[in-house]
C-alpha atoms as a PDB file:
ATOM      1  CA  MET A   1     115.658  75.659  85.911  1.00  0.00           C
ATOM      2  CA  GLN A   2     113.451  77.359  83.370  1.00  0.00           C
ATOM      3  CA  THR A   3     114.889  80.195  81.338  1.00  0.00           C
ATOM      4  CA  ALA A   4     113.453  82.926  79.166  1.00  0.00           C
ATOM      5  CA  THR A   5     114.826  85.111  76.434  1.00  0.00           C
ATOM      6  CA  ILE A   6     114.485  88.847  76.940  1.00  0.00           C
ATOM      7  CA  ARG A   7     115.421  91.688  74.635  1.00  0.00           C
ATOM      8  CA  ILE A   8     117.879  94.243  75.961  1.00  0.00           C
ATOM      9  CA  ARG A   9     119.970  96.891  74.299  1.00  0.00           C
ATOM     10  CA  PRO A  10     123.518  95.935  73.333  1.00  0.00           C
ATOM     11  CA  ALA A  11     124.909  98.548  75.742  1.00  0.00           C
ATOM     12  CA  THR A  12     122.974  96.966  78.611  1.00  0.00           C
ATOM     13  CA  ARG A  13     124.244  93.519  77.639  1.00  0.00           C
ATOM     14  CA  GLN A  14     127.780  94.901  77.626  1.00  0.00           C
ATOM     15  CA  ARG A  15     127.323  96.418  81.090  1.00  0.00           C
ATOM     16  CA  LEU A  16     125.997  93.111  82.392  1.00  0.00           C
ATOM     17  CA  ALA A  17     129.004  91.298  80.940  1.00  0.00           C
ATOM     18  CA  GLN A  18     131.387  93.839  82.483  1.00  0.00           C
ATOM     19  CA  LEU A  19     129.748  93.502  85.881  1.00  0.00           C
ATOM     20  CA  ALA A  20     129.871  89.732  85.627  1.00  0.00           C
ATOM     21  CA  ALA A  21     133.570  89.857  84.815  1.00  0.00           C
ATOM     22  CA  GLN A  22     134.310  92.350  87.604  1.00  0.00           C
ATOM     23  CA  THR A  23     132.477  90.251  90.179  1.00  0.00           C
ATOM     24  CA  GLN A  24     133.602  86.888  88.814  1.00  0.00           C
ATOM     25  CA  SER A  25     129.983  85.955  88.310  1.00  0.00           C
ATOM     26  CA  THR A  26     127.703  85.209  85.391  1.00  0.00           C
ATOM     27  CA  VAL A  27     125.399  87.481  83.435  1.00  0.00           C
ATOM     28  CA  PRO A  28     122.266  85.662  84.680  1.00  0.00           C
ATOM     29  CA  LYS A  29     123.421  86.002  88.307  1.00  0.00           C
ATOM     30  CA  VAL A  30     124.212  89.699  87.860  1.00  0.00           C
ATOM     31  CA  LEU A  31     120.832  90.251  86.243  1.00  0.00           C
ATOM     32  CA  GLU A  32     119.102  88.373  89.067  1.00  0.00           C
ATOM     33  CA  ALA A  33     120.895  90.491  91.667  1.00  0.00           C
ATOM     34  CA  ALA A  34     120.036  93.691  89.806  1.00  0.00           C
ATOM     35  CA  VAL A  35     116.354  92.797  89.610  1.00  0.00           C
ATOM     36  CA  GLU A  36     116.279  91.921  93.313  1.00  0.00           C
ATOM     37  CA  ALA A  37     117.985  95.196  94.244  1.00  0.00           C
ATOM     38  CA  TYR A  38     115.498  97.114  92.114  1.00  0.00           C
ATOM     39  CA  ARG A  39     112.563  95.213  93.655  1.00  0.00           C
ATOM     40  CA  ARG A  40     113.763  96.191  97.123  1.00  0.00           C
ATOM     41  CA  GLN A  41     114.259  99.812  96.052  1.00  0.00           C
ATOM     42  CA  VAL A  42     110.714 100.012  94.665  1.00  0.00           C
ATOM     43  CA  PHE A  43     109.325  98.418  97.838  1.00  0.00           C
ATOM     44  CA  LEU A  44     111.091 100.972 100.050  1.00  0.00           C
ATOM     45  CA  GLU A  45     110.006 103.888  97.857  1.00  0.00           C
ATOM     46  CA  GLN A  46     106.391 102.726  98.037  1.00  0.00           C
ATOM     47  CA  THR A  47     106.678 102.270 101.794  1.00  0.00           C
ATOM     48  CA  ASN A  48     108.125 105.770 102.191  1.00  0.00           C
ATOM     49  CA  ARG A  49     105.306 107.276 100.115  1.00  0.00           C
ATOM     50  CA  ALA A  50     102.676 105.444 102.171  1.00  0.00           C
ATOM     51  CA  PHE A  51     104.329 106.533 105.418  1.00  0.00           C
ATOM     52  CA  ALA A  52     104.463 110.162 104.226  1.00  0.00           C
ATOM     53  CA  GLN A  53     100.794 109.970 103.252  1.00  0.00           C
ATOM     54  CA  LEU A  54      99.955 108.563 106.686  1.00  0.00           C
ATOM     55  CA  HIS A  55     101.887 111.411 108.307  1.00  0.00           C
ATOM     56  CA  GLN A  56      99.771 113.947 106.390  1.00  0.00           C
ATOM     57  CA  ASP A  57      96.548 112.678 108.034  1.00  0.00           C
ATOM     58  CA  PRO A  58      96.610 113.897 111.669  1.00  0.00           C
ATOM     59  CA  LYS A  59      93.961 111.415 112.864  1.00  0.00           C
ATOM     60  CA  ALA A  60      95.572 108.420 111.177  1.00  0.00           C
ATOM     61  CA  TRP A  61      99.036 109.526 112.315  1.00  0.00           C
ATOM     62  CA  ASN A  62      97.828 109.793 115.931  1.00  0.00           C
ATOM     63  CA  GLU A  63      96.286 106.321 115.736  1.00  0.00           C
ATOM     64  CA  TYR A  64      99.541 104.976 114.324  1.00  0.00           C
ATOM     65  CA  ARG A  65     101.577 106.589 117.116  1.00  0.00           C
ATOM     66  CA  GLN A  66      99.209 105.191 119.749  1.00  0.00           C
ATOM     67  CA  GLU A  67      99.559 101.714 118.305  1.00  0.00           C
ATOM     68  CA  ILE A  68     103.346 102.043 118.302  1.00  0.00           C
ATOM     69  CA  GLN A  69     103.232 102.995 121.992  1.00  0.00           C
ATOM     70  CA  GLN A  70     101.095  99.952 122.768  1.00  0.00           C
ATOM     71  CA  TRP A  71     103.630  97.668 121.089  1.00  0.00           C
ATOM     72  CA  GLU A  72     106.692  99.385 122.581  1.00  0.00           C
ATOM     73  CA  THR A  73     108.141  97.002 125.137  1.00  0.00           C
ATOM     74  CA  THR A  74     111.566  98.502 125.718  1.00  0.00           C
ATOM     75  CA  GLY A  75     110.442 101.827 127.183  1.00  0.00           C
ATOM     76  CA  ASN A  76     111.594 101.141 130.722  1.00  0.00           C
ATOM     77  CA  ASP A  77     114.531  98.825 130.228  1.00  0.00           C
ATOM     78  CA  GLY A  78     117.087 101.375 129.069  1.00  0.00           C
ATOM     79  CA  LEU A  79     117.482  99.993 125.554  1.00  0.00           C
END
C-alpha cells in the first residue's frame, strides 16, 4: 500500500488520535473514513443543488416528472 505524508494542524492530529482510540481503530483508518464521509456529503449537496436547479425550470421539471412516470412500475401493485 502506498502512503503519503500530509500536513495537518496539531489539533487535528490530536482529534484523529482521540477518535482512533475511542473507536479502537488507527489514525489512517479514521482519516480514510472521514474523507469518505465528506466525499459522500459533498456528492449529496451537489445532487441537492442540481435537483433544486432542475425544479426551478418548469419545462425541465415537467420533462423529469414525465420520465419518472414512464419508469414507475409499482403504480398499480399497492407498493
